[in-house]
PDB file of N, CA and C in Angstrom:
ATOM      1  N   UNK A   1       0.803  -1.186   0.000  1.00  0.00           N
ATOM      2  CA  UNK A   1       0.000   0.000   0.000  1.00  0.00           C
ATOM      3  C   UNK A   1       0.855   1.263   0.000  1.00  0.00           C
ATOM      4  N   UNK A   2       2.132   1.103   0.290  1.00  0.00           N
ATOM      5  CA  UNK A   2       3.005   2.277   0.311  1.00  0.00           C
ATOM      6  C   UNK A   2       3.035   2.945  -1.057  1.00  0.00           C
ATOM      7  N   UNK A   3       3.141   2.157  -2.117  1.00  0.00           N
ATOM      8  CA  UNK A   3       3.185   2.723  -3.474  1.00  0.00           C
ATOM      9  C   UNK A   3       1.893   3.486  -3.771  1.00  0.00           C
ATOM     10  N   UNK A   4       0.756   2.895  -3.413  1.00  0.00           N
ATOM     11  CA  UNK A   4      -0.530   3.557  -3.651  1.00  0.00           C
ATOM     12  C   UNK A   4      -0.582   4.898  -2.911  1.00  0.00           C
ATOM     13  N   UNK A   5      -0.294   4.879  -1.610  1.00  0.00           N
ATOM     14  CA  UNK A   5      -0.381   6.107  -0.815  1.00  0.00           C
ATOM     15  C   UNK A   5       0.630   7.128  -1.309  1.00  0.00           C
ATOM     16  N   UNK A   6       1.836   6.683  -1.633  1.00  0.00           N
ATOM     17  CA  UNK A   6       2.865   7.602  -2.125  1.00  0.00           C
ATOM     18  C   UNK A   6       2.422   8.275  -3.425  1.00  0.00           C
ATOM     19  N   UNK A   7       1.882   7.491  -4.350  1.00  0.00           N
ATOM     20  CA  UNK A   7       1.387   8.070  -5.616  1.00  0.00           C
ATOM     21  C   UNK A   7       0.255   9.064  -5.367  1.00  0.00           C
ATOM     22  N   UNK A   8      -0.669   8.684  -4.500  1.00  0.00           N
ATOM     23  CA  UNK A   8      -1.820   9.539  -4.253  1.00  0.00           C
ATOM     24  C   UNK A   8      -1.426  10.828  -3.526  1.00  0.00           C
ATOM     25  N   UNK A   9      -0.390  10.774  -2.698  1.00  0.00           N
ATOM     26  CA  UNK A   9       0.067  11.998  -2.026  1.00  0.00           C
ATOM     27  C   UNK A   9       0.661  12.993  -3.017  1.00  0.00           C
ATOM     28  N   UNK A  10       1.080  12.500  -4.158  1.00  0.00           N
ATOM     29  CA  UNK A  10       1.588  13.390  -5.213  1.00  0.00           C
ATOM     30  C   UNK A  10       0.457  13.836  -6.144  1.00  0.00           C
ATOM     31  N   UNK A  11      -0.723  13.247  -5.982  1.00  0.00           N
ATOM     32  CA  UNK A  11      -1.850  13.539  -6.864  1.00  0.00           C
ATOM     33  C   UNK A  11      -3.087  13.920  -6.058  1.00  0.00           C
ATOM     34  N   UNK A  12      -3.998  12.974  -5.951  1.00  0.00           N
ATOM     35  CA  UNK A  12      -5.307  13.203  -5.344  1.00  0.00           C
ATOM     36  C   UNK A  12      -5.234  13.634  -3.870  1.00  0.00           C
ATOM     37  N   UNK A  13      -4.292  13.089  -3.104  1.00  0.00           N
ATOM     38  CA  UNK A  13      -4.176  13.400  -1.677  1.00  0.00           C
ATOM     39  C   UNK A  13      -3.145  14.482  -1.393  1.00  0.00           C
ATOM     40  N   UNK A  14      -2.772  15.257  -2.404  1.00  0.00           N
ATOM     41  CA  UNK A  14      -1.722  16.259  -2.232  1.00  0.00           C
ATOM     42  C   UNK A  14      -1.981  17.173  -1.030  1.00  0.00           C
ATOM     43  N   UNK A  15      -3.234  17.495  -0.798  1.00  0.00           N
ATOM     44  CA  UNK A  15      -3.580  18.377   0.322  1.00  0.00           C
ATOM     45  C   UNK A  15      -3.319  17.715   1.679  1.00  0.00           C
ATOM     46  N   UNK A  16      -3.092  16.393   1.683  1.00  0.00           N
ATOM     47  CA  UNK A  16      -2.862  15.660   2.928  1.00  0.00           C
ATOM     48  C   UNK A  16      -1.382  15.407   3.233  1.00  0.00           C
ATOM     49  N   UNK A  17      -0.496  15.968   2.415  1.00  0.00           N
ATOM     50  CA  UNK A  17       0.937  15.753   2.648  1.00  0.00           C
ATOM     51  C   UNK A  17       1.356  16.197   4.044  1.00  0.00           C
ATOM     52  N   UNK A  18       0.891  17.345   4.482  1.00  0.00           N
ATOM     53  CA  UNK A  18       1.253  17.840   5.814  1.00  0.00           C
ATOM     54  C   UNK A  18       0.692  16.920   6.897  1.00  0.00           C
ATOM     55  N   UNK A  19      -0.528  16.440   6.721  1.00  0.00           N
ATOM     56  CA  UNK A  19      -1.132  15.534   7.703  1.00  0.00           C
ATOM     57  C   UNK A  19      -0.331  14.240   7.812  1.00  0.00           C
ATOM     58  N   UNK A  20       0.150  13.723   6.682  1.00  0.00           N
ATOM     59  CA  UNK A  20       0.978  12.513   6.713  1.00  0.00           C
ATOM     60  C   UNK A  20       2.324  12.788   7.379  1.00  0.00           C
ATOM     61  N   UNK A  21       2.931  13.912   7.061  1.00  0.00           N
ATOM     62  CA  UNK A  21       4.213  14.247   7.712  1.00  0.00           C
ATOM     63  C   UNK A  21       4.031  14.365   9.217  1.00  0.00           C
ATOM     64  N   UNK A  22       2.961  15.056   9.628  1.00  0.00           N
ATOM     65  CA  UNK A  22       2.686  15.206  11.055  1.00  0.00           C
ATOM     66  C   UNK A  22       2.444  13.850  11.719  1.00  0.00           C
ATOM     67  N   UNK A  23       1.705  12.973  11.045  1.00  0.00           N
ATOM     68  CA  UNK A  23       1.426  11.645  11.601  1.00  0.00           C
ATOM     69  C   UNK A  23       2.712  10.838  11.750  1.00  0.00           C
ATOM     70  N   UNK A  24       3.563  10.868  10.724  1.00  0.00           N
ATOM     71  CA  UNK A  24       4.829  10.132  10.801  1.00  0.00           C
ATOM     72  C   UNK A  24       5.754  10.701  11.870  1.00  0.00           C
ATOM     73  N   UNK A  25       5.822  12.024  11.958  1.00  0.00           N
ATOM     74  CA  UNK A  25       6.635  12.641  13.003  1.00  0.00           C
ATOM     75  C   UNK A  25       6.090  12.307  14.389  1.00  0.00           C
ATOM     76  N   UNK A  26       4.754  12.285  14.517  1.00  0.00           N
ATOM     77  CA  UNK A  26       4.135  11.929  15.786  1.00  0.00           C
ATOM     78  C   UNK A  26       4.431  10.493  16.183  1.00  0.00           C
ATOM     79  N   UNK A  27       4.355   9.586  15.219  1.00  0.00           N
ATOM     80  CA  UNK A  27       4.708   8.188  15.495  1.00  0.00           C
ATOM     81  C   UNK A  27       6.143   8.078  15.983  1.00  0.00           C
ATOM     82  N   UNK A  28       7.023   8.781  15.309  1.00  0.00           N
ATOM     83  CA  UNK A  28       8.431   8.742  15.690  1.00  0.00           C
ATOM     84  C   UNK A  28       8.628   9.308  17.100  1.00  0.00           C
ATOM     85  N   UNK A  29       7.909  10.377  17.407  1.00  0.00           N
ATOM     86  CA  UNK A  29       7.997  10.942  18.765  1.00  0.00           C
ATOM     87  C   UNK A  29       7.483   9.966  19.808  1.00  0.00           C
ATOM     88  N   UNK A  30       6.352   9.315  19.526  1.00  0.00           N
ATOM     89  CA  UNK A  30       5.804   8.338  20.463  1.00  0.00           C
ATOM     90  C   UNK A  30       6.771   7.182  20.701  1.00  0.00           C
ATOM     91  N   UNK A  31       7.505   6.814  19.661  1.00  0.00           N
ATOM     92  CA  UNK A  31       8.473   5.715  19.764  1.00  0.00           C
ATOM     93  C   UNK A  31       9.858   6.227  20.152  1.00  0.00           C
ATOM     94  N   UNK A  32       9.922   7.474  20.591  1.00  0.00           N
ATOM     95  CA  UNK A  32      11.170   8.109  21.016  1.00  0.00           C
ATOM     96  C   UNK A  32      12.247   8.037  19.933  1.00  0.00           C
ATOM     97  N   UNK A  33      11.806   8.302  18.698  1.00  0.00           N
ATOM     98  CA  UNK A  33      12.737   8.366  17.575  1.00  0.00           C
ATOM     99  C   UNK A  33      13.176   7.020  17.038  1.00  0.00           C
ATOM    100  N   UNK A  34      12.540   5.946  17.477  1.00  0.00           N
ATOM    101  CA  UNK A  34      12.991   4.611  17.087  1.00  0.00           C
ATOM    102  C   UNK A  34      11.863   3.710  16.602  1.00  0.00           C
ATOM    103  N   UNK A  35      10.864   4.248  15.884  1.00  0.00           N
ATOM    104  CA  UNK A  35       9.717   3.422  15.486  1.00  0.00           C
ATOM    105  C   UNK A  35      10.160   2.159  14.762  1.00  0.00           C
ATOM    106  N   UNK A  36      11.087   2.277  13.825  1.00  0.00           N
ATOM    107  CA  UNK A  36      11.539   1.100  13.075  1.00  0.00           C
ATOM    108  C   UNK A  36      12.306   0.134  13.970  1.00  0.00           C
ATOM    109  N   UNK A  37      12.845   0.618  15.079  1.00  0.00           N
ATOM    110  CA  UNK A  37      13.650  -0.229  15.950  1.00  0.00           C
ATOM    111  C   UNK A  37      12.894  -0.874  17.100  1.00  0.00           C
ATOM    112  N   UNK A  38      11.628  -0.532  17.297  1.00  0.00           N
ATOM    113  CA  UNK A  38      10.891  -1.140  18.406  1.00  0.00           C
ATOM    114  C   UNK A  38      10.297  -2.473  17.955  1.00  0.00           C
ATOM    115  N   UNK A  39       9.932  -3.306  18.899  1.00  0.00           N
ATOM    116  CA  UNK A  39       9.423  -4.638  18.568  1.00  0.00           C
ATOM    117  C   UNK A  39       8.050  -4.554  17.913  1.00  0.00           C
ATOM    118  N   UNK A  40       7.662  -5.638  17.277  1.00  0.00           N
ATOM    119  CA  UNK A  40       6.343  -5.715  16.647  1.00  0.00           C
ATOM    120  C   UNK A  40       5.250  -5.495  17.687  1.00  0.00           C
ATOM    121  N   UNK A  41       5.409  -6.066  18.863  1.00  0.00           N
ATOM    122  CA  UNK A  41       4.412  -5.907  19.923  1.00  0.00           C
ATOM    123  C   UNK A  41       4.300  -4.447  20.350  1.00  0.00           C
ATOM    124  N   UNK A  42       5.439  -3.769  20.456  1.00  0.00           N
ATOM    125  CA  UNK A  42       5.433  -2.349  20.838  1.00  0.00           C
ATOM    126  C   UNK A  42       4.776  -1.500  19.753  1.00  0.00           C
ATOM    127  N   UNK A  43       5.077  -1.795  18.492  1.00  0.00           N
ATOM    128  CA  UNK A  43       4.448  -1.063  17.387  1.00  0.00           C
ATOM    129  C   UNK A  43       2.942  -1.292  17.382  1.00  0.00           C
ATOM    130  N   UNK A  44       2.537  -2.546  17.582  1.00  0.00           N
ATOM    131  CA  UNK A  44       1.118  -2.880  17.595  1.00  0.00           C
ATOM    132  C   UNK A  44       0.402  -2.126  18.709  1.00  0.00           C
ATOM    133  N   UNK A  45       0.985  -2.088  19.893  1.00  0.00           N
ATOM    134  CA  UNK A  45       0.352  -1.387  21.013  1.00  0.00           C
ATOM    135  C   UNK A  45       0.302   0.121  20.753  1.00  0.00           C
ATOM    136  N   UNK A  46       1.363   0.669  20.184  1.00  0.00           N
ATOM    137  CA  UNK A  46       1.382   2.098  19.879  1.00  0.00           C
ATOM    138  C   UNK A  46       0.269   2.445  18.891  1.00  0.00           C
ATOM    139  N   UNK A  47       0.141   1.651  17.832  1.00  0.00           N
ATOM    140  CA  UNK A  47      -0.906   1.897  16.834  1.00  0.00           C
ATOM    141  C   UNK A  47      -2.296   1.647  17.408  1.00  0.00           C
ATOM    142  N   UNK A  48      -2.429   0.640  18.276  1.00  0.00           N
ATOM    143  CA  UNK A  48      -3.725   0.375  18.914  1.00  0.00           C
ATOM    144  C   UNK A  48      -4.138   1.541  19.805  1.00  0.00           C
ATOM    145  N   UNK A  49      -3.174   2.145  20.478  1.00  0.00           N
ATOM    146  CA  UNK A  49      -3.499   3.301  21.320  1.00  0.00           C
ATOM    147  C   UNK A  49      -3.974   4.474  20.461  1.00  0.00           C
ATOM    148  N   UNK A  50      -3.393   4.627  19.272  1.00  0.00           N
ATOM    149  CA  UNK A  50      -3.859   5.665  18.350  1.00  0.00           C
ATOM    150  C   UNK A  50      -5.263   5.341  17.850  1.00  0.00           C
ATOM    151  N   UNK A  51      -5.506   4.088  17.535  1.00  0.00           N
ATOM    152  CA  UNK A  51      -6.837   3.685  17.063  1.00  0.00           C
ATOM    153  C   UNK A  51      -7.904   3.994  18.111  1.00  0.00           C
ATOM    154  N   UNK A  52      -7.566   3.801  19.367  1.00  0.00           N
ATOM    155  CA  UNK A  52      -8.506   4.090  20.460  1.00  0.00           C
ATOM    156  C   UNK A  52      -8.553   5.573  20.815  1.00  0.00           C
ATOM    157  N   UNK A  53      -7.636   6.372  20.247  1.00  0.00           N
ATOM    158  CA  UNK A  53      -7.565   7.794  20.577  1.00  0.00           C
ATOM    159  C   UNK A  53      -6.926   8.033  21.937  1.00  0.00           C
ATOM    160  N   UNK A  54      -6.034   7.111  22.331  1.00  0.00           N
ATOM    161  CA  UNK A  54      -5.416   7.179  23.647  1.00  0.00           C
ATOM    162  C   UNK A  54      -3.910   7.435  23.607  1.00  0.00           C
ATOM    163  N   UNK A  55      -3.378   7.789  22.443  1.00  0.00           N
ATOM    164  CA  UNK A  55      -1.950   8.120  22.369  1.00  0.00           C
ATOM    165  C   UNK A  55      -1.728   9.452  23.083  1.00  0.00           C
ATOM    166  N   UNK A  56      -0.496   9.770  23.340  1.00  0.00           N
ATOM    167  CA  UNK A  56      -0.152  10.992  24.075  1.00  0.00           C
ATOM    168  C   UNK A  56      -0.810  12.225  23.456  1.00  0.00           C
ATOM    169  N   UNK A  57      -1.520  12.968  24.293  1.00  0.00           N
ATOM    170  CA  UNK A  57      -2.170  14.205  23.833  1.00  0.00           C
ATOM    171  C   UNK A  57      -1.138  15.293  23.550  1.00  0.00           C
ATOM    172  N   UNK A  58       0.075  15.120  24.077  1.00  0.00           N
ATOM    173  CA  UNK A  58       1.154  16.065  23.772  1.00  0.00           C
ATOM    174  C   UNK A  58       1.600  15.931  22.321  1.00  0.00           C
ATOM    175  N   UNK A  59       1.456  14.741  21.780  1.00  0.00           N
ATOM    176  CA  UNK A  59       1.873  14.469  20.398  1.00  0.00           C
ATOM    177  C   UNK A  59       0.692  14.611  19.438  1.00  0.00           C
ATOM    178  N   UNK A  60      -0.437  13.997  19.781  1.00  0.00           N
ATOM    179  CA  UNK A  60      -1.646  14.053  18.969  1.00  0.00           C
ATOM    180  C   UNK A  60      -2.770  14.612  19.832  1.00  0.00           C
ATOM    181  N   UNK A  61      -3.252  15.815  19.555  1.00  0.00           N
ATOM    182  CA  UNK A  61      -4.313  16.404  20.385  1.00  0.00           C
ATOM    183  C   UNK A  61      -5.550  15.510  20.541  1.00  0.00           C
ATOM    184  N   UNK A  62      -5.846  14.709  19.505  1.00  0.00           N
ATOM    185  CA  UNK A  62      -7.010  13.826  19.575  1.00  0.00           C
ATOM    186  C   UNK A  62      -6.627  12.405  19.977  1.00  0.00           C
ATOM    187  N   UNK A  63      -5.418  12.223  20.450  1.00  0.00           N
ATOM    188  CA  UNK A  63      -4.963  10.892  20.838  1.00  0.00           C
ATOM    189  C   UNK A  63      -4.526  10.028  19.673  1.00  0.00           C
ATOM    190  N   UNK A  64      -4.408  10.612  18.488  1.00  0.00           N
ATOM    191  CA  UNK A  64      -3.934   9.885  17.307  1.00  0.00           C
ATOM    192  C   UNK A  64      -5.018   9.249  16.463  1.00  0.00           C
ATOM    193  N   UNK A  65      -6.265   9.385  16.870  1.00  0.00           N
ATOM    194  CA  UNK A  65      -7.371   8.726  16.167  1.00  0.00           C
ATOM    195  C   UNK A  65      -7.504   9.183  14.710  1.00  0.00           C
ATOM    196  N   UNK A  66      -7.438  10.474  14.464  1.00  0.00           N
ATOM    197  CA  UNK A  66      -7.606  10.985  13.093  1.00  0.00           C
ATOM    198  C   UNK A  66      -6.478  10.499  12.184  1.00  0.00           C
ATOM    199  N   UNK A  67      -5.247  10.522  12.673  1.00  0.00           N
ATOM    200  CA  UNK A  67      -4.113  10.057  11.872  1.00  0.00           C
ATOM    201  C   UNK A  67      -4.253   8.570  11.564  1.00  0.00           C
ATOM    202  N   UNK A  68      -4.619   7.789  12.580  1.00  0.00           N
ATOM    203  CA  UNK A  68      -4.803   6.354  12.380  1.00  0.00           C
ATOM    204  C   UNK A  68      -5.885   6.090  11.339  1.00  0.00           C
ATOM    205  N   UNK A  69      -7.024   6.747  11.464  1.00  0.00           N
ATOM    206  CA  UNK A  69      -8.138   6.521  10.541  1.00  0.00           C
ATOM    207  C   UNK A  69      -7.814   6.974   9.116  1.00  0.00           C
ATOM    208  N   UNK A  70      -7.041   8.053   8.981  1.00  0.00           N
ATOM    209  CA  UNK A  70      -6.646   8.520   7.650  1.00  0.00           C
ATOM    210  C   UNK A  70      -5.798   7.457   6.943  1.00  0.00           C
ATOM    211  N   UNK A  71      -4.784   6.963   7.633  1.00  0.00           N
ATOM    212  CA  UNK A  71      -3.900   5.968   7.031  1.00  0.00           C
ATOM    213  C   UNK A  71      -4.647   4.654   6.796  1.00  0.00           C
ATOM    214  N   UNK A  72      -5.501   4.263   7.718  1.00  0.00           N
ATOM    215  CA  UNK A  72      -6.292   3.038   7.540  1.00  0.00           C
ATOM    216  C   UNK A  72      -7.189   3.146   6.309  1.00  0.00           C
ATOM    217  N   UNK A  73      -7.884   4.262   6.145  1.00  0.00           N
ATOM    218  CA  UNK A  73      -8.771   4.441   4.993  1.00  0.00           C
ATOM    219  C   UNK A  73      -7.995   4.354   3.686  1.00  0.00           C
ATOM    220  N   UNK A  74      -6.836   4.974   3.618  1.00  0.00           N
ATOM    221  CA  UNK A  74      -6.046   4.959   2.388  1.00  0.00           C
ATOM    222  C   UNK A  74      -5.433   3.582   2.149  1.00  0.00           C
ATOM    223  N   UNK A  75      -5.099   2.878   3.212  1.00  0.00           N
ATOM    224  CA  UNK A  75      -4.577   1.519   3.070  1.00  0.00           C
ATOM    225  C   UNK A  75      -5.649   0.601   2.498  1.00  0.00           C
ATOM    226  N   UNK A  76      -6.873   0.723   2.997  1.00  0.00           N
ATOM    227  CA  UNK A  76      -7.972  -0.088   2.471  1.00  0.00           C
ATOM    228  C   UNK A  76      -8.270   0.256   1.012  1.00  0.00           C
ATOM    229  N   UNK A  77      -8.229   1.544   0.677  1.00  0.00           N
ATOM    230  CA  UNK A  77      -8.445   1.947  -0.715  1.00  0.00           C
ATOM    231  C   UNK A  77      -7.395   1.314  -1.620  1.00  0.00           C
ATOM    232  N   UNK A  78      -6.150   1.351  -1.183  1.00  0.00           N
ATOM    233  CA  UNK A  78      -5.073   0.765  -1.979  1.00  0.00           C
ATOM    234  C   UNK A  78      -5.186  -0.741  -2.090  1.00  0.00           C
ATOM    235  N   UNK A  79      -5.605  -1.397  -1.017  1.00  0.00           N
ATOM    236  CA  UNK A  79      -5.699  -2.855  -1.013  1.00  0.00           C
ATOM    237  C   UNK A  79      -6.835  -3.358  -1.891  1.00  0.00           C
ATOM    238  N   UNK A  80      -7.980  -2.689  -1.831  1.00  0.00           N
ATOM    239  CA  UNK A  80      -9.146  -3.166  -2.565  1.00  0.00           C
ATOM    240  C   UNK A  80      -9.378  -2.453  -3.892  1.00  0.00           C
ATOM    241  N   UNK A  81      -8.650  -1.398  -4.169  1.00  0.00           N
ATOM    242  CA  UNK A  81      -8.857  -0.643  -5.396  1.00  0.00           C
ATOM    243  C   UNK A  81      -8.214  -1.286  -6.606  1.00  0.00           C
ATOM    244  N   UNK A  82      -8.274  -0.584  -7.700  1.00  0.00           N
ATOM    245  CA  UNK A  82      -7.688  -1.072  -8.948  1.00  0.00           C
ATOM    246  C   UNK A  82      -6.168  -0.960  -8.897  1.00  0.00           C
ATOM    247  N   UNK A  83      -5.460  -1.992  -9.377  1.00  0.00           N
ATOM    248  CA  UNK A  83      -3.999  -1.932  -9.407  1.00  0.00           C
ATOM    249  C   UNK A  83      -3.454  -0.763 -10.232  1.00  0.00           C
ATOM    250  N   UNK A  84      -4.253  -0.239 -11.128  1.00  0.00           N
ATOM    251  CA  UNK A  84      -3.764   0.863 -11.967  1.00  0.00           C
ATOM    252  C   UNK A  84      -3.450   2.116 -11.155  1.00  0.00           C
ATOM    253  N   UNK A  85      -3.916   2.161  -9.900  1.00  0.00           N
ATOM    254  CA  UNK A  85      -3.654   3.312  -9.044  1.00  0.00           C
ATOM    255  C   UNK A  85      -2.476   3.091  -8.099  1.00  0.00           C
ATOM    256  N   UNK A  86      -1.832   1.925  -8.194  1.00  0.00           N
ATOM    257  CA  UNK A  86      -0.631   1.674  -7.411  1.00  0.00           C
ATOM    258  C   UNK A  86      -0.783   0.687  -6.270  1.00  0.00           C
ATOM    259  N   UNK A  87      -1.990   0.211  -6.013  1.00  0.00           N
ATOM    260  CA  UNK A  87      -2.193  -0.774  -4.957  1.00  0.00           C
ATOM    261  C   UNK A  87      -2.661  -2.091  -5.527  1.00  0.00           C
ATOM    262  N   UNK A  88      -3.146  -2.981  -4.669  1.00  0.00           N
ATOM    263  CA  UNK A  88      -3.732  -4.254  -5.081  1.00  0.00           C
ATOM    264  C   UNK A  88      -2.862  -4.974  -6.104  1.00  0.00           C
ATOM    265  N   UNK A  89      -1.603  -5.142  -5.766  1.00  0.00           N
ATOM    266  CA  UNK A  89      -0.634  -5.768  -6.677  1.00  0.00           C
ATOM    267  C   UNK A  89      -1.117  -7.146  -7.137  1.00  0.00           C
ATOM    268  N   UNK A  90      -1.065  -7.344  -8.419  1.00  0.00           N
ATOM    269  CA  UNK A  90      -1.484  -8.596  -9.056  1.00  0.00           C
ATOM    270  C   UNK A  90      -2.929  -8.982  -8.707  1.00  0.00           C
ATOM    271  N   UNK A  91      -3.756  -7.981  -8.417  1.00  0.00           N
ATOM    272  CA  UNK A  91      -5.173  -8.198  -8.098  1.00  0.00           C
ATOM    273  C   UNK A  91      -5.351  -9.095  -6.868  1.00  0.00           C
ATOM    274  N   UNK A  92      -4.393  -9.056  -5.948  1.00  0.00           N
ATOM    275  CA  UNK A  92      -4.392  -9.971  -4.794  1.00  0.00           C
ATOM    276  C   UNK A  92      -5.696  -9.936  -4.008  1.00  0.00           C
ATOM    277  N   UNK A  93      -6.182  -8.740  -3.677  1.00  0.00           N
ATOM    278  CA  UNK A  93      -7.405  -8.682  -2.865  1.00  0.00           C
ATOM    279  C   UNK A  93      -8.623  -9.119  -3.672  1.00  0.00           C
ATOM    280  N   UNK A  94      -8.642  -8.806  -4.945  1.00  0.00           N
ATOM    281  CA  UNK A  94      -9.783  -9.214  -5.772  1.00  0.00           C
ATOM    282  C   UNK A  94      -9.828 -10.737  -5.879  1.00  0.00           C
ATOM    283  N   UNK A  95      -8.661 -11.349  -6.071  1.00  0.00           N
ATOM    284  CA  UNK A  95      -8.604 -12.813  -6.130  1.00  0.00           C
ATOM    285  C   UNK A  95      -9.065 -13.404  -4.795  1.00  0.00           C
ATOM    286  N   UNK A  96      -8.656 -12.770  -3.691  1.00  0.00           N
ATOM    287  CA  UNK A  96      -8.996 -13.260  -2.361  1.00  0.00           C
ATOM    288  C   UNK A  96     -10.512 -13.301  -2.154  1.00  0.00           C
ATOM    289  N   UNK A  97     -11.211 -12.294  -2.662  1.00  0.00           N
ATOM    290  CA  UNK A  97     -12.667 -12.240  -2.450  1.00  0.00           C
ATOM    291  C   UNK A  97     -13.459 -12.762  -3.653  1.00  0.00           C
ATOM    292  N   UNK A  98     -12.759 -13.272  -4.673  1.00  0.00           N
ATOM    293  CA  UNK A  98     -13.431 -13.901  -5.805  1.00  0.00           C
ATOM    294  C   UNK A  98     -13.910 -12.961  -6.894  1.00  0.00           C
ATOM    295  N   UNK A  99     -13.334 -11.767  -6.968  1.00  0.00           N
ATOM    296  CA  UNK A  99     -13.701 -10.812  -8.021  1.00  0.00           C
ATOM    297  C   UNK A  99     -12.722 -10.976  -9.180  1.00  0.00           C
ATOM    298  N   UNK A 100     -13.227 -11.252 -10.379  1.00  0.00           N
ATOM    299  CA  UNK A 100     -12.305 -11.417 -11.510  1.00  0.00           C
ATOM    300  C   UNK A 100     -11.659 -10.085 -11.884  1.00  0.00           C
ATOM    301  N   UNK A 101     -10.369 -10.112 -12.239  1.00  0.00           N
ATOM    302  CA  UNK A 101      -9.701  -8.879 -12.668  1.00  0.00           C
ATOM    303  C   UNK A 101     -10.397  -8.286 -13.886  1.00  0.00           C
ATOM    304  N   UNK A 102     -10.583  -6.986 -13.879  1.00  0.00           N
ATOM    305  CA  UNK A 102     -11.217  -6.297 -15.000  1.00  0.00           C
ATOM    306  C   UNK A 102     -10.167  -5.960 -16.046  1.00  0.00           C
ATOM    307  N   UNK A 103     -10.510  -6.088 -17.312  1.00  0.00           N
ATOM    308  CA  UNK A 103      -9.547  -5.707 -18.347  1.00  0.00           C
ATOM    309  C   UNK A 103      -9.304  -4.198 -18.305  1.00  0.00           C
ATOM    310  N   UNK A 104      -8.093  -3.818 -18.610  1.00  0.00           N
ATOM    311  CA  UNK A 104      -7.741  -2.405 -18.662  1.00  0.00           C
ATOM    312  C   UNK A 104      -8.137  -1.878 -20.029  1.00  0.00           C
ATOM    313  N   UNK A 105      -8.844  -0.756 -20.045  1.00  0.00           N
ATOM    314  CA  UNK A 105      -9.287  -0.177 -21.316  1.00  0.00           C
ATOM    315  C   UNK A 105      -8.097   0.090 -22.231  1.00  0.00           C
ATOM    316  N   UNK A 106      -8.296  -0.179 -23.496  1.00  0.00           N
ATOM    317  CA  UNK A 106      -7.270   0.106 -24.483  1.00  0.00           C
ATOM    318  C   UNK A 106      -6.314  -1.050 -24.718  1.00  0.00           C
ATOM    319  N   UNK A 107      -6.469  -2.117 -23.959  1.00  0.00           N
ATOM    320  CA  UNK A 107      -5.611  -3.282 -24.163  1.00  0.00           C
ATOM    321  C   UNK A 107      -6.437  -4.401 -24.769  1.00  0.00           C
ATOM    322  N   UNK A 108      -5.772  -5.253 -25.505  1.00  0.00           N
ATOM    323  CA  UNK A 108      -6.454  -6.368 -26.125  1.00  0.00           C
ATOM    324  C   UNK A 108      -6.922  -7.335 -25.043  1.00  0.00           C
ATOM    325  N   UNK A 109      -8.203  -7.678 -25.053  1.00  0.00           N
ATOM    326  CA  UNK A 109      -8.770  -8.531 -24.020  1.00  0.00           C
ATOM    327  C   UNK A 109      -8.608 -10.016 -24.319  1.00  0.00           C
ATOM    328  N   UNK A 110      -8.356 -10.379 -25.556  1.00  0.00           N
ATOM    329  CA  UNK A 110      -8.285 -11.773 -25.926  1.00  0.00           C
ATOM    330  C   UNK A 110      -6.991 -12.008 -26.691  1.00  0.00           C
ATOM    331  N   UNK A 111      -6.483 -13.223 -26.552  1.00  0.00           N
ATOM    332  CA  UNK A 111      -5.297 -13.584 -27.323  1.00  0.00           C
ATOM    333  C   UNK A 111      -5.691 -13.746 -28.793  1.00  0.00           C
ATOM    334  N   UNK A 112      -4.849 -13.272 -29.659  1.00  0.00           N
ATOM    335  CA  UNK A 112      -5.098 -13.393 -31.097  1.00  0.00           C
ATOM    336  C   UNK A 112      -4.479 -14.695 -31.577  1.00  0.00           C
ATOM    337  N   UNK A 113      -5.280 -15.535 -32.240  1.00  0.00           N
ATOM    338  CA  UNK A 113      -4.783 -16.792 -32.785  1.00  0.00           C
ATOM    339  C   UNK A 113      -4.210 -16.519 -34.166  1.00  0.00           C
ATOM    340  N   UNK A 114      -2.977 -16.952 -34.407  1.00  0.00           N
ATOM    341  CA  UNK A 114      -2.391 -16.721 -35.730  1.00  0.00           C
ATOM    342  C   UNK A 114      -2.482 -17.933 -36.595  1.00  0.00           C
TER     343      UNK A 114
END
């Protein structure tokens, strides 16, 4: 989903670049500058506290709920959306739920027999 969100931050979500920077900086502050270095359990608890709106009010005035929900919504969009937007690599989520991949407009839909 990183590719999807990264592409959209340069396009459709451009107005949210500051919100993403603030969220990432806040995560880093909560993890005392070591988010990538903390354990999976510590990361999970930190993110769960944001989901509940219980992260430090010094870092996130709303306890991190808005930042968590923003990233979650965009992650879901990338996972279930069309791969042409940068997410859902190889139609993974569509295959998982039984949705056949849609042909991309402008491409040949059938193999040509010679």
